[in-house]
Protein backbone atom coordinates (compact mmCIF):
# COMPACT_ATOMS: atom_id res chain seq x y z
CA UNK A 1 114.74 111.62 73.37
CA UNK A 2 116.55 114.33 75.29
CA UNK A 3 118.32 113.59 78.54
CA UNK A 4 115.88 115.82 80.41
CA UNK A 5 112.92 113.61 79.42
CA UNK A 6 114.48 110.32 80.60
CA UNK A 7 113.08 108.83 83.78
CA UNK A 8 114.83 106.40 86.07
CA UNK A 9 112.75 103.37 86.98
CA UNK A 10 113.24 101.43 90.19
CA UNK A 11 113.16 97.84 88.90
CA UNK A 12 112.27 96.42 92.31
CA UNK A 13 109.22 98.68 92.50
CA UNK A 14 108.27 97.91 88.89
CA UNK A 15 108.53 94.16 89.48
CA UNK A 16 106.52 94.44 92.69
CA UNK A 17 103.80 96.38 90.86
CA UNK A 18 103.70 93.79 88.06
CA UNK A 19 103.46 90.89 90.51
CA UNK A 20 100.66 92.67 92.40
CA UNK A 21 98.78 93.34 89.14
CA UNK A 22 99.12 89.68 88.18
CA UNK A 23 97.85 88.50 91.55
CA UNK A 24 94.84 90.82 91.35
CA UNK A 25 94.05 89.65 87.82
CA UNK A 26 94.27 86.00 88.88
CA UNK A 27 91.98 86.71 91.81
CA UNK A 28 89.33 88.05 89.43
CA UNK A 29 89.48 84.85 87.39
CA UNK A 30 89.40 82.67 90.54
CA UNK A 31 86.34 84.56 91.83
CA UNK A 32 84.51 84.07 88.53
CA UNK A 33 85.39 80.38 88.53
CA UNK A 34 84.29 79.96 92.15
CA UNK A 35 81.00 81.76 91.45
CA UNK A 36 80.36 79.61 88.37
CA UNK A 37 80.83 76.44 90.45
CA UNK A 38 78.34 77.74 93.05
CA UNK A 39 75.79 78.89 90.45
CA UNK A 40 75.97 75.87 88.18
CA UNK A 41 72.55 76.11 86.58
CA UNK A 42 73.43 74.28 83.41
CA UNK A 43 74.20 77.27 81.18
CA UNK A 44 77.42 79.19 80.87
CA UNK A 45 78.08 81.67 83.65
CA UNK A 46 78.86 85.27 82.63
CA UNK A 47 82.58 84.67 83.16
CA UNK A 48 82.54 81.62 80.91
CA UNK A 49 80.89 83.16 77.87
CA UNK A 50 83.45 83.10 75.09
CA UNK A 51 84.30 85.45 72.24
CA UNK A 52 86.81 84.47 69.60
CA UNK A 53 89.32 86.94 68.24
CA UNK A 54 89.60 84.64 65.23
CA UNK A 55 86.30 82.90 64.44
CA UNK A 56 86.49 79.18 65.14
CA UNK A 57 90.06 79.28 66.50
CA UNK A 58 89.98 77.96 70.08
CA UNK A 59 93.43 79.48 70.69
CA UNK A 60 91.90 82.94 70.33
CA UNK A 61 89.18 82.38 72.96
CA UNK A 62 88.54 85.29 75.30
CA UNK A 63 86.11 84.91 78.21
CA UNK A 64 84.46 87.71 80.11
CA UNK A 65 86.64 86.70 83.07
CA UNK A 66 89.72 87.22 80.89
CA UNK A 67 88.52 90.70 79.95
CA UNK A 68 87.75 91.61 83.56
CA UNK A 69 91.16 90.35 84.64
CA UNK A 70 92.86 92.36 81.90
CA UNK A 71 91.08 95.54 83.01
CA UNK A 72 92.25 95.02 86.62
CA UNK A 73 95.84 94.46 85.47
CA UNK A 74 95.85 97.54 83.23
CA UNK A 75 94.33 99.64 86.02
CA UNK A 76 97.09 98.51 88.39
CA UNK A 77 99.81 99.39 85.91
CA UNK A 78 98.45 102.79 84.89
CA UNK A 79 97.92 104.25 88.36
């Protein structure tokens, strides 16, 4: 990498952006959870439907809420 292509990064700004992205992602999950408690009709709410990255391995569970949260976080970090 040449010296001309190096960019300085303000670590305070980077940390602030990461914390904000995390808060927004958590808010998405909280909203899904809150909605599922309100709409408890017996079946899984959309945010609670689960996919497994590794079939049958509970440690690899990924809910729709997780995916939505991840999209919000990535959007915050790529702006």
